[in-house]
Amino acid sequence: MGLNDQRADELLDERVRQLASTDEDLERLLAHDWIRYRTSPALQELSWTAHATCDRINRSYYDEPHEAHRLFRELIPGAGEGIDFRPPISIDYGMRLSIGDRTFLNADFMIIGGGFVSIGADCLIGPRCAIYTPNHAEDISRRLDGWERPEPITIGSNVWLGGSVTITPGVTIGDNSIIGAGSVVTRDIPADVVAVGAPCRPVRAVAAD
């Protein structure tokens, strides 16, 4: 079991484990297998609950900031210390997300699907960044039947994502790298580089002070 798999397992509470024992699609999700959201009462319950919590966070952030931050930690048990964020946020499954200490999430942060997402410490996530974990089936009949496979995404520590960056399923971004605004990351990006474009590609090393 890899470190991210171990971390993902640690974040599962008793309710999720109970649902997985009776729901084949949730069990498949946790095993990195193909799932059908449309036929899964457990996945629908978990995502509905997560979005309801996101809505409460977004509405209470400025009037009751302490409550908004409490709800944020309730939604994301894998959140580290000193995390700052701005509403609105939209996250399908909070227990499938790990965020390192002191990371900042700007407005309109979105994670779609149930692939496990690991974000390191000291990251700067720009406004309107979107992380997409599911790949839908290419086969026409399987796609019509609703089959999809969520893939994990890993963002290292001290990564800066510019505004409106899109990250697609299965991607890893190495420590200290910078992703230019508007980029679409479709393949792994190594550590210590500046990368831009759609598809995103490294263009130079990160400048030393």
N, C-alpha and C. Protein backbone atom coordinates (compact mmCIF):
# COMPACT_ATOMS: atom_id res chain seq x y z
N MET A 1 0.85 -1.20 0.00
CA MET A 1 0.00 0.00 0.00
C MET A 1 0.88 1.24 0.00
N GLY A 2 0.65 2.18 -0.96
CA GLY A 2 1.41 3.41 -1.02
C GLY A 2 1.01 4.38 0.08
N LEU A 3 1.79 5.46 0.22
CA LEU A 3 1.51 6.44 1.27
C LEU A 3 0.15 7.08 1.08
N ASN A 4 -0.22 7.43 -0.16
CA ASN A 4 -1.52 8.04 -0.39
C ASN A 4 -2.66 7.06 -0.13
N ASP A 5 -2.45 5.78 -0.49
CA ASP A 5 -3.47 4.77 -0.20
C ASP A 5 -3.66 4.62 1.31
N GLN A 6 -2.56 4.63 2.03
CA GLN A 6 -2.64 4.52 3.49
C GLN A 6 -3.35 5.74 4.08
N ARG A 7 -3.01 6.92 3.56
CA ARG A 7 -3.65 8.14 4.04
C ARG A 7 -5.14 8.12 3.74
N ALA A 8 -5.51 7.68 2.54
CA ALA A 8 -6.92 7.61 2.17
C ALA A 8 -7.69 6.68 3.09
N ASP A 9 -7.08 5.55 3.43
CA ASP A 9 -7.73 4.59 4.32
C ASP A 9 -7.90 5.16 5.72
N GLU A 10 -6.93 5.93 6.19
CA GLU A 10 -7.00 6.52 7.53
C GLU A 10 -8.16 7.51 7.66
N LEU A 11 -8.56 8.13 6.55
CA LEU A 11 -9.58 9.18 6.60
C LEU A 11 -11.01 8.65 6.53
N LEU A 12 -11.17 7.34 6.41
CA LEU A 12 -12.51 6.77 6.32
C LEU A 12 -13.11 6.64 7.72
N ASP A 13 -14.28 7.23 7.94
CA ASP A 13 -14.93 7.09 9.24
C ASP A 13 -15.83 5.85 9.24
N GLU A 14 -16.44 5.61 10.39
CA GLU A 14 -17.24 4.40 10.55
C GLU A 14 -18.44 4.39 9.61
N ARG A 15 -19.02 5.57 9.36
CA ARG A 15 -20.17 5.65 8.46
C ARG A 15 -19.79 5.21 7.04
N VAL A 16 -18.67 5.69 6.55
CA VAL A 16 -18.23 5.32 5.21
C VAL A 16 -17.94 3.83 5.14
N ARG A 17 -17.26 3.30 6.15
CA ARG A 17 -16.96 1.86 6.15
C ARG A 17 -18.24 1.04 6.18
N GLN A 18 -19.23 1.51 6.93
CA GLN A 18 -20.51 0.79 6.99
C GLN A 18 -21.21 0.82 5.64
N LEU A 19 -21.23 1.98 5.00
CA LEU A 19 -21.85 2.09 3.68
C LEU A 19 -21.13 1.20 2.66
N ALA A 20 -19.80 1.17 2.74
CA ALA A 20 -19.02 0.37 1.78
C ALA A 20 -19.30 -1.12 1.93
N SER A 21 -19.70 -1.55 3.12
CA SER A 21 -19.97 -2.98 3.33
C SER A 21 -21.25 -3.43 2.64
N THR A 22 -22.10 -2.48 2.25
CA THR A 22 -23.38 -2.84 1.62
C THR A 22 -23.56 -2.21 0.24
N ASP A 23 -22.60 -1.39 -0.21
CA ASP A 23 -22.73 -0.69 -1.49
C ASP A 23 -21.53 -1.04 -2.37
N GLU A 24 -21.78 -1.78 -3.43
CA GLU A 24 -20.70 -2.28 -4.28
C GLU A 24 -19.92 -1.15 -4.94
N ASP A 25 -20.61 -0.08 -5.34
CA ASP A 25 -19.91 1.00 -6.03
C ASP A 25 -18.99 1.77 -5.11
N LEU A 26 -19.40 2.00 -3.88
CA LEU A 26 -18.51 2.65 -2.92
C LEU A 26 -17.31 1.76 -2.63
N GLU A 27 -17.55 0.47 -2.49
CA GLU A 27 -16.45 -0.47 -2.28
C GLU A 27 -15.48 -0.43 -3.46
N ARG A 28 -16.03 -0.36 -4.67
CA ARG A 28 -15.18 -0.28 -5.86
C ARG A 28 -14.39 1.04 -5.89
N LEU A 29 -15.02 2.14 -5.49
CA LEU A 29 -14.33 3.43 -5.45
C LEU A 29 -13.10 3.34 -4.55
N LEU A 30 -13.27 2.77 -3.38
CA LEU A 30 -12.18 2.68 -2.42
C LEU A 30 -11.08 1.73 -2.90
N ALA A 31 -11.43 0.85 -3.85
CA ALA A 31 -10.46 -0.08 -4.42
C ALA A 31 -9.89 0.41 -5.75
N HIS A 32 -10.17 1.67 -6.13
CA HIS A 32 -9.68 2.28 -7.37
C HIS A 32 -10.22 1.57 -8.61
N ASP A 33 -11.45 1.10 -8.53
CA ASP A 33 -12.04 0.35 -9.63
C ASP A 33 -13.12 1.19 -10.31
N TRP A 34 -13.70 0.65 -11.37
CA TRP A 34 -14.79 1.32 -12.08
C TRP A 34 -16.04 1.36 -11.20
N ILE A 35 -16.77 2.48 -11.28
CA ILE A 35 -17.98 2.66 -10.47
C ILE A 35 -19.10 3.19 -11.35
N ARG A 36 -20.31 3.11 -10.79
CA ARG A 36 -21.48 3.76 -11.40
C ARG A 36 -22.16 4.61 -10.32
N TYR A 37 -21.94 5.91 -10.40
CA TYR A 37 -22.52 6.82 -9.41
C TYR A 37 -24.05 6.75 -9.43
N ARG A 38 -24.62 6.66 -10.61
CA ARG A 38 -26.08 6.73 -10.75
C ARG A 38 -26.80 5.60 -10.03
N THR A 39 -26.14 4.47 -9.85
CA THR A 39 -26.79 3.32 -9.23
C THR A 39 -26.35 3.11 -7.78
N SER A 40 -25.64 4.08 -7.22
CA SER A 40 -25.06 3.91 -5.89
C SER A 40 -25.72 4.83 -4.87
N PRO A 41 -26.60 4.31 -4.03
CA PRO A 41 -27.18 5.15 -2.97
C PRO A 41 -26.12 5.73 -2.04
N ALA A 42 -25.06 4.97 -1.76
CA ALA A 42 -24.03 5.45 -0.83
C ALA A 42 -23.26 6.63 -1.41
N LEU A 43 -22.84 6.53 -2.66
CA LEU A 43 -22.10 7.64 -3.27
C LEU A 43 -22.98 8.88 -3.37
N GLN A 44 -24.24 8.71 -3.69
CA GLN A 44 -25.15 9.85 -3.76
C GLN A 44 -25.35 10.48 -2.39
N GLU A 45 -25.46 9.66 -1.36
CA GLU A 45 -25.61 10.19 0.00
C GLU A 45 -24.37 10.97 0.42
N LEU A 46 -23.20 10.40 0.18
CA LEU A 46 -21.96 11.04 0.62
C LEU A 46 -21.72 12.35 -0.12
N SER A 47 -21.96 12.37 -1.43
CA SER A 47 -21.73 13.61 -2.18
C SER A 47 -22.78 14.66 -1.84
N TRP A 48 -24.03 14.24 -1.62
CA TRP A 48 -25.07 15.19 -1.21
C TRP A 48 -24.71 15.83 0.12
N THR A 49 -24.27 15.02 1.06
CA THR A 49 -23.89 15.55 2.37
C THR A 49 -22.71 16.51 2.25
N ALA A 50 -21.73 16.16 1.43
CA ALA A 50 -20.57 17.03 1.24
C ALA A 50 -20.98 18.37 0.64
N HIS A 51 -21.85 18.34 -0.37
CA HIS A 51 -22.26 19.60 -1.00
C HIS A 51 -23.15 20.43 -0.08
N ALA A 52 -23.94 19.77 0.74
CA ALA A 52 -24.73 20.51 1.73
C ALA A 52 -23.81 21.22 2.73
N THR A 53 -22.74 20.55 3.12
CA THR A 53 -21.77 21.18 4.03
C THR A 53 -21.04 22.32 3.35
N CYS A 54 -20.66 22.13 2.09
CA CYS A 54 -20.04 23.23 1.34
C CYS A 54 -20.96 24.44 1.29
N ASP A 55 -22.25 24.22 1.08
CA ASP A 55 -23.20 25.32 1.02
C ASP A 55 -23.25 26.07 2.36
N ARG A 56 -23.23 25.33 3.46
CA ARG A 56 -23.24 25.95 4.78
C ARG A 56 -21.96 26.75 5.01
N ILE A 57 -20.84 26.20 4.59
CA ILE A 57 -19.56 26.92 4.71
C ILE A 57 -19.61 28.22 3.92
N ASN A 58 -20.06 28.14 2.68
CA ASN A 58 -20.08 29.32 1.81
C ASN A 58 -20.99 30.42 2.35
N ARG A 59 -22.14 30.02 2.93
CA ARG A 59 -23.08 31.01 3.43
C ARG A 59 -22.66 31.62 4.76
N SER A 60 -21.89 30.87 5.56
CA SER A 60 -21.55 31.36 6.90
C SER A 60 -20.18 32.00 6.98
N TYR A 61 -19.40 31.95 5.93
CA TYR A 61 -17.99 32.32 6.00
C TYR A 61 -17.76 33.73 6.57
N TYR A 62 -18.50 34.70 6.08
CA TYR A 62 -18.23 36.08 6.50
C TYR A 62 -18.99 36.48 7.76
N ASP A 63 -20.14 35.89 7.99
CA ASP A 63 -20.91 36.22 9.20
C ASP A 63 -20.48 35.41 10.41
N GLU A 64 -20.08 34.16 10.18
CA GLU A 64 -19.67 33.28 11.27
C GLU A 64 -18.40 32.53 10.86
N PRO A 65 -17.27 33.22 10.78
CA PRO A 65 -16.06 32.59 10.27
C PRO A 65 -15.59 31.39 11.09
N HIS A 66 -15.76 31.43 12.40
CA HIS A 66 -15.34 30.28 13.22
C HIS A 66 -16.16 29.04 12.89
N GLU A 67 -17.47 29.23 12.67
CA GLU A 67 -18.33 28.11 12.29
C GLU A 67 -17.95 27.59 10.91
N ALA A 68 -17.65 28.49 9.97
CA ALA A 68 -17.25 28.06 8.63
C ALA A 68 -15.98 27.22 8.67
N HIS A 69 -15.02 27.62 9.48
CA HIS A 69 -13.78 26.86 9.58
C HIS A 69 -14.01 25.52 10.31
N ARG A 70 -14.92 25.50 11.28
CA ARG A 70 -15.24 24.24 11.95
C ARG A 70 -15.87 23.27 10.95
N LEU A 71 -16.79 23.76 10.14
CA LEU A 71 -17.43 22.92 9.14
C LEU A 71 -16.43 22.44 8.10
N PHE A 72 -15.48 23.30 7.74
CA PHE A 72 -14.44 22.93 6.78
C PHE A 72 -13.65 21.73 7.29
N ARG A 73 -13.28 21.76 8.55
CA ARG A 73 -12.51 20.65 9.13
C ARG A 73 -13.39 19.40 9.29
N GLU A 74 -14.68 19.61 9.52
CA GLU A 74 -15.60 18.48 9.58
C GLU A 74 -15.73 17.83 8.20
N LEU A 75 -15.80 18.67 7.17
CA LEU A 75 -15.92 18.17 5.80
C LEU A 75 -14.66 17.44 5.36
N ILE A 76 -13.49 17.98 5.75
CA ILE A 76 -12.21 17.46 5.27
C ILE A 76 -11.39 17.01 6.47
N PRO A 77 -11.58 15.78 6.93
CA PRO A 77 -10.82 15.31 8.09
C PRO A 77 -9.32 15.26 7.84
N GLY A 78 -8.91 15.26 6.58
CA GLY A 78 -7.49 15.24 6.25
C GLY A 78 -6.87 16.60 6.08
N ALA A 79 -7.52 17.66 6.60
CA ALA A 79 -6.98 19.01 6.50
C ALA A 79 -5.94 19.25 7.59
N GLY A 80 -4.81 19.82 7.22
CA GLY A 80 -3.76 20.12 8.18
C GLY A 80 -4.04 21.41 8.94
N GLU A 81 -3.00 21.91 9.60
CA GLU A 81 -3.11 23.11 10.41
C GLU A 81 -2.81 24.36 9.58
N GLY A 82 -3.45 25.47 9.97
CA GLY A 82 -3.15 26.76 9.36
C GLY A 82 -3.63 26.92 7.94
N ILE A 83 -4.58 26.10 7.50
CA ILE A 83 -5.13 26.23 6.15
C ILE A 83 -6.05 27.44 6.08
N ASP A 84 -5.94 28.20 5.01
CA ASP A 84 -6.81 29.35 4.78
C ASP A 84 -7.55 29.11 3.46
N PHE A 85 -8.78 29.57 3.39
CA PHE A 85 -9.55 29.40 2.15
C PHE A 85 -10.53 30.55 1.99
N ARG A 86 -11.02 30.72 0.78
CA ARG A 86 -12.04 31.70 0.47
C ARG A 86 -13.21 31.02 -0.23
N PRO A 87 -14.44 31.39 0.14
CA PRO A 87 -15.59 30.78 -0.53
C PRO A 87 -15.79 31.38 -1.91
N PRO A 88 -16.54 30.68 -2.78
CA PRO A 88 -17.16 29.39 -2.49
C PRO A 88 -16.22 28.22 -2.77
N ILE A 89 -16.49 27.11 -2.09
CA ILE A 89 -15.81 25.85 -2.38
C ILE A 89 -16.86 24.83 -2.79
N SER A 90 -16.43 23.84 -3.58
CA SER A 90 -17.33 22.77 -4.02
C SER A 90 -16.52 21.48 -4.08
N ILE A 91 -16.83 20.54 -3.18
CA ILE A 91 -16.06 19.32 -3.05
C ILE A 91 -17.02 18.14 -2.97
N ASP A 92 -16.82 17.13 -3.81
CA ASP A 92 -17.75 16.01 -3.86
C ASP A 92 -17.63 15.08 -2.65
N TYR A 93 -16.39 14.79 -2.21
CA TYR A 93 -16.19 13.85 -1.11
C TYR A 93 -15.04 14.35 -0.24
N GLY A 94 -15.37 14.95 0.90
CA GLY A 94 -14.33 15.51 1.75
C GLY A 94 -13.37 14.49 2.30
N MET A 95 -13.82 13.26 2.50
CA MET A 95 -12.94 12.23 3.06
C MET A 95 -11.96 11.69 2.04
N ARG A 96 -12.06 12.17 0.78
CA ARG A 96 -11.14 11.76 -0.27
C ARG A 96 -10.15 12.88 -0.60
N LEU A 97 -9.88 13.72 0.39
CA LEU A 97 -9.01 14.89 0.20
C LEU A 97 -8.09 15.04 1.39
N SER A 98 -6.80 15.24 1.13
CA SER A 98 -5.82 15.54 2.16
C SER A 98 -5.14 16.85 1.78
N ILE A 99 -5.05 17.79 2.73
CA ILE A 99 -4.45 19.10 2.47
C ILE A 99 -3.38 19.35 3.53
N GLY A 100 -2.19 19.72 3.10
CA GLY A 100 -1.09 19.96 4.03
C GLY A 100 -1.20 21.29 4.75
N ASP A 101 -0.39 21.45 5.77
CA ASP A 101 -0.39 22.65 6.61
C ASP A 101 -0.12 23.91 5.79
N ARG A 102 -0.81 24.98 6.19
CA ARG A 102 -0.56 26.34 5.69
C ARG A 102 -0.91 26.54 4.21
N THR A 103 -1.59 25.62 3.61
CA THR A 103 -2.00 25.79 2.21
C THR A 103 -3.15 26.79 2.12
N PHE A 104 -3.17 27.56 1.04
CA PHE A 104 -4.22 28.56 0.79
C PHE A 104 -5.03 28.17 -0.43
N LEU A 105 -6.36 28.15 -0.27
CA LEU A 105 -7.29 27.86 -1.36
C LEU A 105 -8.08 29.12 -1.67
N ASN A 106 -7.90 29.66 -2.85
CA ASN A 106 -8.64 30.86 -3.22
C ASN A 106 -10.05 30.50 -3.68
N ALA A 107 -10.84 31.52 -4.01
CA ALA A 107 -12.27 31.36 -4.29
C ALA A 107 -12.52 30.42 -5.48
N ASP A 108 -13.68 29.76 -5.42
CA ASP A 108 -14.15 28.88 -6.49
C ASP A 108 -13.29 27.62 -6.64
N PHE A 109 -12.78 27.12 -5.54
CA PHE A 109 -12.03 25.87 -5.56
C PHE A 109 -13.01 24.71 -5.72
N MET A 110 -12.70 23.80 -6.66
CA MET A 110 -13.63 22.70 -6.97
C MET A 110 -12.88 21.39 -7.13
N ILE A 111 -13.44 20.32 -6.53
CA ILE A 111 -12.96 18.97 -6.77
C ILE A 111 -14.15 18.11 -7.18
N ILE A 112 -14.04 17.46 -8.34
CA ILE A 112 -15.10 16.62 -8.86
C ILE A 112 -14.67 15.15 -8.78
N GLY A 113 -15.55 14.30 -8.30
CA GLY A 113 -15.31 12.87 -8.29
C GLY A 113 -14.63 12.38 -7.04
N GLY A 114 -14.49 11.06 -6.95
CA GLY A 114 -14.03 10.42 -5.73
C GLY A 114 -12.62 9.90 -5.75
N GLY A 115 -11.82 10.23 -6.78
CA GLY A 115 -10.42 9.87 -6.74
C GLY A 115 -9.73 10.59 -5.60
N PHE A 116 -8.80 9.92 -4.93
CA PHE A 116 -8.16 10.55 -3.78
C PHE A 116 -7.24 11.68 -4.24
N VAL A 117 -7.39 12.86 -3.61
CA VAL A 117 -6.61 14.05 -3.95
C VAL A 117 -5.73 14.40 -2.76
N SER A 118 -4.43 14.48 -3.00
CA SER A 118 -3.47 14.88 -1.98
C SER A 118 -2.83 16.20 -2.38
N ILE A 119 -2.98 17.21 -1.54
CA ILE A 119 -2.38 18.53 -1.76
C ILE A 119 -1.38 18.75 -0.62
N GLY A 120 -0.16 19.10 -0.96
CA GLY A 120 0.89 19.22 0.04
C GLY A 120 0.78 20.48 0.89
N ALA A 121 1.81 20.70 1.69
CA ALA A 121 1.88 21.86 2.57
C ALA A 121 2.34 23.10 1.80
N ASP A 122 1.94 24.26 2.29
CA ASP A 122 2.43 25.56 1.79
C ASP A 122 2.09 25.80 0.32
N CYS A 123 1.00 25.23 -0.17
CA CYS A 123 0.59 25.45 -1.55
C CYS A 123 -0.24 26.73 -1.66
N LEU A 124 -0.19 27.33 -2.84
CA LEU A 124 -1.01 28.49 -3.19
C LEU A 124 -1.90 28.06 -4.35
N ILE A 125 -3.20 27.93 -4.08
CA ILE A 125 -4.16 27.49 -5.10
C ILE A 125 -4.96 28.71 -5.54
N GLY A 126 -4.78 29.12 -6.77
CA GLY A 126 -5.41 30.34 -7.27
C GLY A 126 -6.91 30.21 -7.44
N PRO A 127 -7.58 31.34 -7.74
CA PRO A 127 -9.03 31.32 -7.89
C PRO A 127 -9.47 30.50 -9.10
N ARG A 128 -10.62 29.86 -8.94
CA ARG A 128 -11.26 29.09 -10.00
C ARG A 128 -10.42 27.90 -10.47
N CYS A 129 -9.66 27.31 -9.57
CA CYS A 129 -8.95 26.09 -9.91
C CYS A 129 -9.88 24.89 -9.77
N ALA A 130 -9.76 23.95 -10.69
CA ALA A 130 -10.65 22.79 -10.71
C ALA A 130 -9.83 21.52 -10.83
N ILE A 131 -10.18 20.54 -10.01
CA ILE A 131 -9.52 19.24 -10.00
C ILE A 131 -10.56 18.19 -10.37
N TYR A 132 -10.33 17.51 -11.49
CA TYR A 132 -11.28 16.52 -11.99
C TYR A 132 -10.66 15.13 -11.87
N THR A 133 -11.26 14.25 -11.08
CA THR A 133 -10.68 12.92 -10.89
C THR A 133 -11.32 11.81 -11.74
N PRO A 134 -12.56 11.93 -12.25
CA PRO A 134 -13.14 10.77 -12.96
C PRO A 134 -12.80 10.74 -14.45
N ASN A 135 -12.53 9.55 -14.94
CA ASN A 135 -12.52 9.27 -16.37
C ASN A 135 -13.76 8.46 -16.70
N HIS A 136 -14.62 8.97 -17.57
CA HIS A 136 -15.77 8.20 -18.02
C HIS A 136 -15.34 7.18 -19.07
N ALA A 137 -16.08 6.11 -19.18
CA ALA A 137 -15.75 5.06 -20.13
C ALA A 137 -15.79 5.58 -21.56
N GLU A 138 -14.81 5.19 -22.37
CA GLU A 138 -14.82 5.55 -23.78
C GLU A 138 -15.84 4.72 -24.55
N ASP A 139 -15.95 3.45 -24.21
CA ASP A 139 -16.92 2.58 -24.88
C ASP A 139 -18.32 3.16 -24.76
N ILE A 140 -19.01 3.27 -25.88
CA ILE A 140 -20.29 3.98 -25.91
C ILE A 140 -21.31 3.35 -24.97
N SER A 141 -21.46 2.03 -25.02
CA SER A 141 -22.48 1.38 -24.21
C SER A 141 -22.14 1.48 -22.72
N ARG A 142 -20.85 1.32 -22.38
CA ARG A 142 -20.46 1.45 -20.97
C ARG A 142 -20.64 2.89 -20.47
N ARG A 143 -20.38 3.85 -21.33
CA ARG A 143 -20.58 5.25 -20.94
C ARG A 143 -22.06 5.53 -20.72
N LEU A 144 -22.92 4.98 -21.58
CA LEU A 144 -24.36 5.14 -21.40
C LEU A 144 -24.84 4.49 -20.11
N ASP A 145 -24.16 3.41 -19.71
CA ASP A 145 -24.51 2.73 -18.46
C ASP A 145 -23.96 3.45 -17.23
N GLY A 146 -23.16 4.51 -17.45
CA GLY A 146 -22.70 5.33 -16.33
C GLY A 146 -21.38 4.94 -15.71
N TRP A 147 -20.59 4.11 -16.38
CA TRP A 147 -19.33 3.67 -15.80
C TRP A 147 -18.29 4.78 -15.85
N GLU A 148 -17.59 4.95 -14.74
CA GLU A 148 -16.48 5.89 -14.66
C GLU A 148 -15.43 5.34 -13.71
N ARG A 149 -14.19 5.81 -13.88
CA ARG A 149 -13.11 5.36 -12.99
C ARG A 149 -12.38 6.57 -12.43
N PRO A 150 -12.58 6.90 -11.16
CA PRO A 150 -11.85 8.01 -10.55
C PRO A 150 -10.38 7.66 -10.36
N GLU A 151 -9.51 8.61 -10.69
CA GLU A 151 -8.07 8.41 -10.57
C GLU A 151 -7.49 9.40 -9.55
N PRO A 152 -6.48 8.99 -8.79
CA PRO A 152 -5.89 9.88 -7.78
C PRO A 152 -5.12 11.03 -8.42
N ILE A 153 -5.04 12.14 -7.71
CA ILE A 153 -4.27 13.31 -8.13
C ILE A 153 -3.41 13.74 -6.95
N THR A 154 -2.13 13.99 -7.23
CA THR A 154 -1.19 14.39 -6.18
C THR A 154 -0.55 15.72 -6.55
N ILE A 155 -0.66 16.68 -5.64
CA ILE A 155 -0.01 17.98 -5.78
C ILE A 155 1.00 18.09 -4.64
N GLY A 156 2.26 18.27 -4.97
CA GLY A 156 3.31 18.29 -3.97
C GLY A 156 3.24 19.51 -3.06
N SER A 157 4.25 19.69 -2.25
CA SER A 157 4.32 20.83 -1.34
C SER A 157 4.89 22.07 -2.04
N ASN A 158 4.48 23.23 -1.56
CA ASN A 158 4.96 24.51 -2.08
C ASN A 158 4.71 24.67 -3.57
N VAL A 159 3.58 24.14 -4.03
CA VAL A 159 3.16 24.30 -5.43
C VAL A 159 2.26 25.52 -5.54
N TRP A 160 2.44 26.28 -6.60
CA TRP A 160 1.59 27.44 -6.87
C TRP A 160 0.81 27.17 -8.15
N LEU A 161 -0.52 27.11 -8.02
CA LEU A 161 -1.41 27.00 -9.17
C LEU A 161 -1.97 28.38 -9.46
N GLY A 162 -1.73 28.91 -10.64
CA GLY A 162 -2.33 30.18 -11.02
C GLY A 162 -3.83 30.06 -11.18
N GLY A 163 -4.49 31.18 -11.41
CA GLY A 163 -5.94 31.17 -11.54
C GLY A 163 -6.43 30.32 -12.69
N SER A 164 -7.58 29.68 -12.50
CA SER A 164 -8.28 28.92 -13.54
C SER A 164 -7.46 27.75 -14.09
N VAL A 165 -6.63 27.15 -13.26
CA VAL A 165 -5.91 25.94 -13.66
C VAL A 165 -6.86 24.74 -13.55
N THR A 166 -6.80 23.86 -14.53
CA THR A 166 -7.57 22.61 -14.53
C THR A 166 -6.61 21.44 -14.44
N ILE A 167 -6.88 20.52 -13.53
CA ILE A 167 -6.05 19.33 -13.36
C ILE A 167 -6.91 18.11 -13.65
N THR A 168 -6.43 17.25 -14.55
CA THR A 168 -7.21 16.11 -15.01
C THR A 168 -6.80 14.83 -14.28
N PRO A 169 -7.58 13.75 -14.43
CA PRO A 169 -7.37 12.54 -13.62
C PRO A 169 -5.98 11.94 -13.72
N GLY A 170 -5.47 11.47 -12.57
CA GLY A 170 -4.24 10.71 -12.53
C GLY A 170 -2.95 11.50 -12.54
N VAL A 171 -3.03 12.84 -12.46
CA VAL A 171 -1.85 13.68 -12.61
C VAL A 171 -1.13 13.85 -11.27
N THR A 172 0.21 13.95 -11.35
CA THR A 172 1.04 14.33 -10.21
C THR A 172 1.83 15.58 -10.57
N ILE A 173 1.86 16.55 -9.64
CA ILE A 173 2.65 17.77 -9.80
C ILE A 173 3.70 17.78 -8.70
N GLY A 174 4.98 17.91 -9.06
CA GLY A 174 6.06 17.81 -8.10
C GLY A 174 6.21 19.04 -7.22
N ASP A 175 6.95 18.88 -6.13
CA ASP A 175 7.17 19.95 -5.17
C ASP A 175 7.75 21.20 -5.84
N ASN A 176 7.32 22.36 -5.34
CA ASN A 176 7.89 23.68 -5.69
C ASN A 176 7.54 24.17 -7.08
N SER A 177 6.78 23.40 -7.85
CA SER A 177 6.50 23.83 -9.22
C SER A 177 5.40 24.89 -9.28
N ILE A 178 5.40 25.62 -10.37
CA ILE A 178 4.44 26.70 -10.63
C ILE A 178 3.69 26.36 -11.91
N ILE A 179 2.35 26.39 -11.83
CA ILE A 179 1.51 26.11 -12.99
C ILE A 179 0.85 27.42 -13.41
N GLY A 180 1.12 27.86 -14.62
CA GLY A 180 0.63 29.15 -15.08
C GLY A 180 -0.88 29.22 -15.19
N ALA A 181 -1.42 30.42 -15.04
CA ALA A 181 -2.87 30.65 -15.07
C ALA A 181 -3.47 30.11 -16.36
N GLY A 182 -4.62 29.46 -16.22
CA GLY A 182 -5.35 28.95 -17.37
C GLY A 182 -4.83 27.65 -17.94
N SER A 183 -3.81 27.08 -17.33
CA SER A 183 -3.23 25.84 -17.85
C SER A 183 -4.16 24.65 -17.63
N VAL A 184 -4.04 23.65 -18.49
CA VAL A 184 -4.77 22.39 -18.35
C VAL A 184 -3.72 21.29 -18.20
N VAL A 185 -3.65 20.73 -17.00
CA VAL A 185 -2.60 19.76 -16.68
C VAL A 185 -3.13 18.36 -17.00
N THR A 186 -2.59 17.76 -18.05
CA THR A 186 -3.06 16.45 -18.51
C THR A 186 -2.04 15.34 -18.30
N ARG A 187 -0.83 15.71 -17.86
CA ARG A 187 0.22 14.72 -17.60
C ARG A 187 1.07 15.20 -16.43
N ASP A 188 1.87 14.31 -15.88
CA ASP A 188 2.69 14.65 -14.72
C ASP A 188 3.63 15.81 -15.01
N ILE A 189 3.80 16.66 -13.99
CA ILE A 189 4.72 17.79 -14.04
C ILE A 189 5.80 17.55 -12.98
N PRO A 190 7.08 17.60 -13.35
CA PRO A 190 8.13 17.33 -12.36
C PRO A 190 8.26 18.45 -11.33
N ALA A 191 9.07 18.21 -10.33
CA ALA A 191 9.34 19.21 -9.30
C ALA A 191 10.20 20.35 -9.87
N ASP A 192 10.07 21.53 -9.25
CA ASP A 192 10.99 22.65 -9.47
C ASP A 192 10.96 23.23 -10.87
N VAL A 193 9.78 23.22 -11.51
CA VAL A 193 9.67 23.81 -12.85
C VAL A 193 8.50 24.79 -12.90
N VAL A 194 8.58 25.69 -13.89
CA VAL A 194 7.44 26.50 -14.29
C VAL A 194 6.83 25.81 -15.51
N ALA A 195 5.52 25.56 -15.47
CA ALA A 195 4.83 24.86 -16.56
C ALA A 195 3.59 25.65 -16.95
N VAL A 196 3.32 25.71 -18.25
CA VAL A 196 2.19 26.49 -18.75
C VAL A 196 1.56 25.79 -19.94
N GLY A 197 0.34 26.21 -20.25
CA GLY A 197 -0.27 25.82 -21.51
C GLY A 197 -1.37 24.80 -21.38
N ALA A 198 -1.98 24.50 -22.56
CA ALA A 198 -3.04 23.51 -22.65
C ALA A 198 -2.77 22.67 -23.90
N PRO A 199 -2.14 21.51 -23.74
CA PRO A 199 -1.79 20.88 -22.47
C PRO A 199 -0.57 21.53 -21.81
N CYS A 200 -0.55 21.44 -20.49
CA CYS A 200 0.51 22.08 -19.72
C CYS A 200 1.84 21.34 -19.90
N ARG A 201 2.92 22.09 -20.04
CA ARG A 201 4.25 21.50 -20.21
C ARG A 201 5.29 22.39 -19.52
N PRO A 202 6.35 21.82 -19.01
CA PRO A 202 7.41 22.62 -18.39
C PRO A 202 8.10 23.51 -19.42
N VAL A 203 8.40 24.75 -19.01
CA VAL A 203 9.09 25.67 -19.91
C VAL A 203 10.44 26.10 -19.37
N ARG A 204 10.63 26.03 -18.05
CA ARG A 204 11.93 26.38 -17.47
C ARG A 204 11.96 25.96 -16.02
N ALA A 205 13.13 25.99 -15.43
CA ALA A 205 13.26 25.71 -14.01
C ALA A 205 12.76 26.89 -13.19
N VAL A 206 12.31 26.61 -11.97
CA VAL A 206 11.93 27.69 -11.06
C VAL A 206 13.16 28.54 -10.77
N ALA A 207 13.03 29.85 -10.83
CA ALA A 207 14.17 30.75 -10.64
C ALA A 207 14.63 30.71 -9.18
N ALA A 208 15.94 30.66 -8.99
CA ALA A 208 16.52 30.73 -7.64
C ALA A 208 16.60 32.19 -7.21
N ASP A 209 16.52 32.42 -5.89
CA ASP A 209 16.64 33.79 -5.38
C ASP A 209 18.05 34.32 -5.59
